[in-house]
Amino acid sequence: MIEEFGCSGSKKDACTALSSYACDVYTGIAYDCRIAPYSESERNLLNAHIEQLSKIGLGGNKSILIGDRGYPSYDEFIHVIDSGFDFLFRLPLSWSNVISQIDNGDTEFEICGQTTPDGGKYHFRAIAVTLSTGETEYLATSLPRDFLSPDEAQDLYWLRWGNETKYDHLKNTLELENFSGRTVNSVYQDFYAASTLANVVSAFASVADAEIAAADQSKDLKYERKANRNTIAYNVILAFLALMIESDPLKRQREFDLLFDRILRNPVPIVSDRNPTRKSPRNKRFHIAKRK
């Protein structure tokens, strides 16, 4: 395990892996997922995602990649653009040279490609946005001003929060880190099984949310509502194998309808403008009696 994934921790003795998901910000469905050694670069994993996204037809300026502070670099900007994608990345404060030059909250920068014969020039914008807390965040994008304003960039980047909640769902509801064995194969097996299950949950949630929204249009509610993800996960886990192995289409459809009826019960309100703090993943431990 240590040879395959490496270690973290102050003593470098805690076997640890790095995972990465390329998710649709609206549905939460992952188009690609990876588990890699802990020492692997986030940018390398992003490049693997880009290769896979291109294979399934999401390149060619059809998609905008939204990423956190671990991804920005001039070489990565060029690679993303050359691969047929646009980007919106959060800049780390270490990019002080760029941040200090932002004028009136939105400034265009020019960089030269090192791999192009003519030293082709690439352009990106750096945008300063003010959060509701009064803090300032800095974003970089390949999209021009007439396509994406600073306010729209802030709203677009905020959609990425759905991916953060997906990681919470994977770790705490589907117990992604609660592996059933201590071998390399068991880790890979559990990782991709949990990721597949997460996609099934996201697919159910996407359809259920649309039905709940349609049913709530005639109601005077303070908040919009969505399906409870924990309820979906619980019911999908119980019904998943039965749905997969049932050969009678009528019985399978009946089980599917019953499952969806349970999912639609007890929707939860969508409360916006929250600023939750992240909790350390090392605070969570699985009791030995709850091992898979």
Protein backbone atom coordinates (compact mmCIF):
# COMPACT_ATOMS: atom_id res chain seq x y z
CA MET A 1 0.00 0.00 0.00
CA ILE A 2 2.77 2.44 0.95
CA GLU A 3 4.71 1.54 -2.18
CA GLU A 4 1.63 2.23 -4.33
CA PHE A 5 0.32 5.43 -2.72
CA GLY A 6 2.94 6.87 -0.35
CA CYS A 7 2.40 8.46 3.05
CA SER A 8 1.44 11.69 4.78
CA GLY A 9 1.60 12.89 8.36
CA SER A 10 4.39 14.33 10.47
CA LYS A 11 6.14 10.96 10.60
CA LYS A 12 5.32 10.08 6.98
CA ASP A 13 3.83 6.80 8.15
CA ALA A 14 0.12 7.27 7.31
CA CYS A 15 -0.61 5.60 3.97
CA THR A 16 -2.48 8.25 1.97
CA ALA A 17 -3.76 8.67 -1.58
CA LEU A 18 -4.90 11.68 -3.60
CA SER A 19 -8.24 11.60 -5.40
CA SER A 20 -9.67 13.93 -8.01
CA TYR A 21 -13.08 14.25 -9.69
CA ALA A 22 -14.16 16.16 -12.80
CA CYS A 23 -17.80 16.88 -12.01
CA ASP A 24 -20.66 18.69 -13.68
CA VAL A 25 -21.37 21.66 -11.40
CA TYR A 26 -25.13 21.39 -11.99
CA THR A 27 -25.76 17.66 -11.58
CA GLY A 28 -22.74 16.59 -9.52
CA ILE A 29 -22.17 13.68 -11.92
CA ALA A 30 -18.48 12.87 -12.33
CA TYR A 31 -17.29 12.52 -15.91
CA ASP A 32 -13.95 11.24 -14.70
CA CYS A 33 -12.43 10.26 -11.37
CA ARG A 34 -8.90 9.32 -10.35
CA ILE A 35 -7.06 7.95 -7.35
CA ALA A 36 -3.30 8.45 -7.37
CA PRO A 37 -0.24 8.52 -5.09
CA TYR A 38 -0.33 11.23 -2.44
CA SER A 39 2.69 12.94 -4.02
CA GLU A 40 0.96 13.31 -7.39
CA SER A 41 0.41 16.84 -8.70
CA GLU A 42 -3.15 18.16 -8.84
CA ARG A 43 -2.29 19.61 -12.25
CA ASN A 44 -1.27 16.20 -13.57
CA LEU A 45 -4.62 14.82 -12.46
CA LEU A 46 -6.37 17.78 -14.10
CA ASN A 47 -4.51 17.00 -17.34
CA ALA A 48 -5.69 13.38 -17.11
CA HIS A 49 -9.25 14.69 -16.68
CA ILE A 50 -8.81 16.97 -19.70
CA GLU A 51 -7.69 14.02 -21.83
CA GLN A 52 -10.74 11.99 -20.80
CA LEU A 53 -13.16 14.92 -21.20
CA SER A 54 -11.82 15.45 -24.72
CA LYS A 55 -12.43 11.80 -25.57
CA ILE A 56 -16.11 12.07 -24.64
CA GLY A 57 -16.60 15.25 -26.68
CA LEU A 58 -16.53 17.99 -24.03
CA GLY A 59 -13.59 19.87 -25.53
CA GLY A 60 -13.63 22.27 -28.46
CA ASN A 61 -14.62 25.33 -26.38
CA LYS A 62 -17.75 23.56 -25.18
CA SER A 63 -16.75 23.46 -21.52
CA ILE A 64 -15.39 25.76 -18.83
CA LEU A 65 -13.09 24.15 -16.27
CA ILE A 66 -13.57 25.63 -12.77
CA GLY A 67 -10.80 24.92 -10.30
CA ASP A 68 -9.42 25.93 -6.91
CA ARG A 69 -6.02 27.39 -6.01
CA GLY A 70 -4.03 24.22 -6.68
CA TYR A 71 -4.30 24.45 -10.47
CA PRO A 72 -3.08 27.87 -11.72
CA SER A 73 0.22 28.07 -13.57
CA TYR A 74 1.08 29.73 -16.87
CA ASP A 75 1.86 26.35 -18.42
CA GLU A 76 -1.50 25.00 -17.22
CA PHE A 77 -3.37 27.98 -18.66
CA ILE A 78 -1.75 27.32 -22.03
CA HIS A 79 -2.42 23.58 -21.85
CA VAL A 80 -6.11 24.09 -21.02
CA ILE A 81 -6.59 26.54 -23.92
CA ASP A 82 -4.64 24.36 -26.37
CA SER A 83 -6.84 21.41 -25.34
CA GLY A 84 -9.97 23.29 -26.40
CA PHE A 85 -11.30 24.35 -22.99
CA ASP A 86 -11.82 27.62 -21.19
CA PHE A 87 -11.03 28.02 -17.50
CA LEU A 88 -11.98 29.88 -14.35
CA PHE A 89 -9.45 29.22 -11.59
CA ARG A 90 -9.03 30.76 -8.16
CA LEU A 91 -5.61 32.38 -7.80
CA PRO A 92 -3.48 31.72 -4.71
CA LEU A 93 -2.17 34.77 -2.88
CA SER A 94 1.35 33.73 -3.93
CA TRP A 95 0.49 35.18 -7.35
CA SER A 96 1.21 38.60 -5.87
CA ASN A 97 2.83 39.88 -9.07
CA VAL A 98 -0.44 39.40 -10.97
CA ILE A 99 -2.72 40.39 -8.08
CA SER A 100 -0.84 43.66 -7.50
CA GLN A 101 -1.46 44.69 -11.13
CA ILE A 102 -5.24 44.19 -11.11
CA ASP A 103 -6.77 47.55 -12.01
CA ASN A 104 -10.42 48.31 -11.20
CA GLY A 105 -11.03 44.67 -10.35
CA ASP A 106 -10.40 43.27 -13.86
CA THR A 107 -7.14 43.26 -15.84
CA GLU A 108 -5.96 41.34 -18.90
CA PHE A 109 -2.54 39.69 -19.01
CA GLU A 110 -0.51 38.24 -21.85
CA ILE A 111 1.77 35.23 -21.74
CA CYS A 112 3.85 33.57 -24.44
CA GLY A 113 3.73 29.88 -25.20
CA GLN A 114 7.06 28.13 -24.93
CA THR A 115 6.05 25.12 -27.01
CA THR A 116 4.71 26.95 -30.07
CA PRO A 117 7.18 27.61 -32.92
CA ASP A 118 6.28 31.30 -33.12
CA GLY A 119 6.05 31.82 -29.37
CA GLY A 120 2.29 32.24 -29.67
CA LYS A 121 0.64 34.66 -27.26
CA TYR A 122 -2.15 33.70 -24.88
CA HIS A 123 -4.40 35.98 -22.89
CA PHE A 124 -6.09 35.61 -19.53
CA ARG A 125 -7.86 37.95 -17.15
CA ALA A 126 -7.34 38.36 -13.42
CA ILE A 127 -10.46 39.45 -11.53
CA ALA A 128 -10.83 40.64 -7.93
CA VAL A 129 -14.17 39.78 -6.30
CA THR A 130 -15.43 40.78 -2.86
CA LEU A 131 -17.19 38.14 -0.80
CA SER A 132 -20.11 38.73 1.55
CA THR A 133 -17.61 38.39 4.42
CA GLY A 134 -15.66 41.40 3.10
CA GLU A 135 -12.73 39.23 1.98
CA THR A 136 -11.29 39.55 -1.52
CA GLU A 137 -10.71 36.57 -3.76
CA TYR A 138 -8.86 36.56 -7.05
CA LEU A 139 -9.90 34.62 -10.13
CA ALA A 140 -8.18 33.96 -13.45
CA THR A 141 -10.13 33.18 -16.62
CA SER A 142 -9.56 32.73 -20.32
CA LEU A 143 -13.02 34.14 -21.08
CA PRO A 144 -13.25 37.70 -22.50
CA ARG A 145 -15.10 40.57 -20.81
CA ASP A 146 -17.92 40.61 -23.36
CA PHE A 147 -18.64 36.98 -22.46
CA LEU A 148 -18.09 36.95 -18.69
CA SER A 149 -18.34 39.99 -16.44
CA PRO A 150 -16.67 40.08 -12.99
CA ASP A 151 -20.06 39.58 -11.27
CA GLU A 152 -20.82 36.63 -13.52
CA ALA A 153 -17.35 35.20 -12.84
CA GLN A 154 -18.05 35.32 -9.10
CA ASP A 155 -21.42 33.58 -9.56
CA LEU A 156 -19.88 31.00 -11.89
CA TYR A 157 -17.07 30.19 -9.47
CA TRP A 158 -19.59 29.84 -6.65
CA LEU A 159 -21.18 26.93 -8.56
CA ARG A 160 -18.04 25.01 -7.70
CA TRP A 161 -19.22 24.76 -4.10
CA GLY A 162 -21.42 21.89 -5.24
CA ASN A 163 -18.25 19.89 -5.85
CA GLU A 164 -17.07 20.59 -2.30
CA THR A 165 -20.36 19.22 -0.94
CA LYS A 166 -19.91 16.21 -3.21
CA TYR A 167 -16.60 15.42 -1.49
CA ASP A 168 -18.42 15.68 1.85
CA HIS A 169 -21.09 13.30 0.53
CA LEU A 170 -18.46 10.85 -0.72
CA LYS A 171 -16.49 10.84 2.50
CA ASN A 172 -19.22 10.99 5.13
CA THR A 173 -22.36 9.48 3.56
CA LEU A 174 -20.84 6.90 1.21
CA GLU A 175 -17.76 6.44 3.45
CA LEU A 176 -15.28 6.56 0.57
CA GLU A 177 -12.36 6.37 3.03
CA ASN A 178 -13.77 3.38 4.90
CA PHE A 179 -11.98 0.74 2.84
CA SER A 180 -12.96 -2.91 3.16
CA GLY A 181 -9.41 -4.25 2.89
CA ARG A 182 -5.75 -3.40 3.23
CA THR A 183 -4.59 -4.38 -0.23
CA VAL A 184 -4.02 -2.16 -3.25
CA ASN A 185 -6.73 -3.94 -5.24
CA SER A 186 -9.30 -3.52 -2.48
CA VAL A 187 -8.61 0.22 -2.33
CA TYR A 188 -9.06 0.63 -6.08
CA GLN A 189 -12.17 -1.54 -6.02
CA ASP A 190 -13.80 0.36 -3.15
CA PHE A 191 -12.85 3.74 -4.62
CA TYR A 192 -14.44 3.11 -8.00
CA ALA A 193 -17.45 1.31 -6.49
CA ALA A 194 -18.17 4.27 -4.21
CA SER A 195 -17.64 6.70 -7.10
CA THR A 196 -20.05 4.74 -9.31
CA LEU A 197 -22.63 4.72 -6.53
CA ALA A 198 -22.13 8.48 -6.08
CA ASN A 199 -22.91 9.01 -9.76
CA VAL A 200 -26.10 6.96 -9.46
CA VAL A 201 -27.12 9.05 -6.45
CA SER A 202 -26.37 12.26 -8.37
CA ALA A 203 -28.44 11.09 -11.34
CA PHE A 204 -31.43 10.35 -9.10
CA ALA A 205 -30.95 13.68 -7.31
CA SER A 206 -30.88 15.65 -10.55
CA VAL A 207 -34.21 14.22 -11.72
CA ALA A 208 -35.80 14.40 -8.25
CA ASP A 209 -34.78 18.06 -7.82
CA ALA A 210 -36.49 18.94 -11.11
CA GLU A 211 -39.72 17.19 -10.05
CA ILE A 212 -39.70 18.85 -6.62
CA ALA A 213 -39.12 22.28 -8.20
CA ALA A 214 -42.00 21.74 -10.63
CA ALA A 215 -44.34 20.64 -7.82
CA ASP A 216 -43.32 23.61 -5.63
CA GLN A 217 -44.07 26.27 -8.25
CA SER A 218 -47.64 26.67 -7.01
CA LYS A 219 -46.61 26.78 -3.33
CA ASP A 220 -45.71 29.85 -1.31
CA LEU A 221 -42.41 28.66 0.19
CA LYS A 222 -39.68 30.72 1.79
CA TYR A 223 -36.95 28.57 0.26
CA GLU A 224 -36.67 26.41 -2.82
CA ARG A 225 -36.36 22.73 -2.00
CA LYS A 226 -34.34 19.76 -3.19
CA ALA A 227 -34.20 16.04 -2.53
CA ASN A 228 -32.38 14.94 0.61
CA ARG A 229 -29.05 13.45 -0.53
CA ASN A 230 -28.71 11.25 2.53
CA THR A 231 -32.17 9.81 1.90
CA ILE A 232 -31.27 9.14 -1.73
CA ALA A 233 -28.02 7.41 -0.80
CA TYR A 234 -29.69 5.22 1.84
CA ASN A 235 -32.48 4.08 -0.49
CA VAL A 236 -30.23 3.61 -3.52
CA ILE A 237 -27.83 1.46 -1.50
CA LEU A 238 -30.73 -0.76 -0.39
CA ALA A 239 -32.21 -1.12 -3.89
CA PHE A 240 -29.14 -0.96 -6.15
CA LEU A 241 -28.31 -4.66 -6.43
CA ALA A 242 -31.95 -5.69 -6.76
CA LEU A 243 -32.40 -3.26 -9.64
CA MET A 244 -29.24 -4.48 -11.34
CA ILE A 245 -29.99 -8.22 -11.19
CA GLU A 246 -33.78 -8.27 -11.59
CA SER A 247 -34.48 -9.84 -15.00
CA ASP A 248 -38.23 -9.19 -15.08
CA PRO A 249 -38.70 -5.67 -16.58
CA LEU A 250 -42.08 -5.16 -14.90
CA LYS A 251 -40.72 -6.04 -11.46
CA ARG A 252 -37.65 -3.90 -12.07
CA GLN A 253 -39.81 -0.94 -13.09
CA ARG A 254 -42.00 -1.40 -10.02
CA GLU A 255 -38.96 -1.43 -7.74
CA PHE A 256 -37.60 1.63 -9.52
CA ASP A 257 -40.89 3.54 -9.07
CA LEU A 258 -41.02 2.64 -5.37
CA LEU A 259 -37.44 3.81 -4.95
CA PHE A 260 -38.16 7.12 -6.66
CA ASP A 261 -41.30 7.65 -4.56
CA ARG A 262 -39.21 7.27 -1.40
CA ILE A 263 -36.63 9.71 -2.76
CA LEU A 264 -39.27 12.38 -3.40
CA ARG A 265 -40.49 12.31 0.21
CA ASN A 266 -39.33 14.90 2.74
CA PRO A 267 -37.37 17.33 0.54
CA VAL A 268 -35.06 19.79 2.30
CA PRO A 269 -34.82 23.59 1.85
CA ILE A 270 -32.02 25.15 -0.16
CA VAL A 271 -30.52 27.88 2.03
CA SER A 272 -28.04 30.10 0.17
CA ASP A 273 -25.32 32.51 1.32
CA ARG A 274 -23.78 30.10 3.77
CA ASN A 275 -20.08 30.29 4.58
CA PRO A 276 -19.30 26.93 6.16
CA THR A 277 -15.85 26.24 7.55
CA ARG A 278 -13.94 23.17 6.49
CA LYS A 279 -13.34 20.44 9.03
CA SER A 280 -10.14 18.46 9.13
CA PRO A 281 -10.68 15.02 7.58
CA ARG A 282 -8.46 13.54 10.27
CA ASN A 283 -11.07 14.32 12.91
CA LYS A 284 -13.25 11.51 11.51
CA ARG A 285 -12.53 7.92 12.42
CA PHE A 286 -14.52 4.83 11.60
CA HIS A 287 -15.19 2.60 14.60
CA ILE A 288 -13.90 -0.96 14.16
CA ALA A 289 -17.45 -2.29 14.64
CA LYS A 290 -18.55 -0.30 11.58
CA ARG A 291 -15.93 -1.58 9.18
CA LYS A 292 -17.28 -2.76 5.84
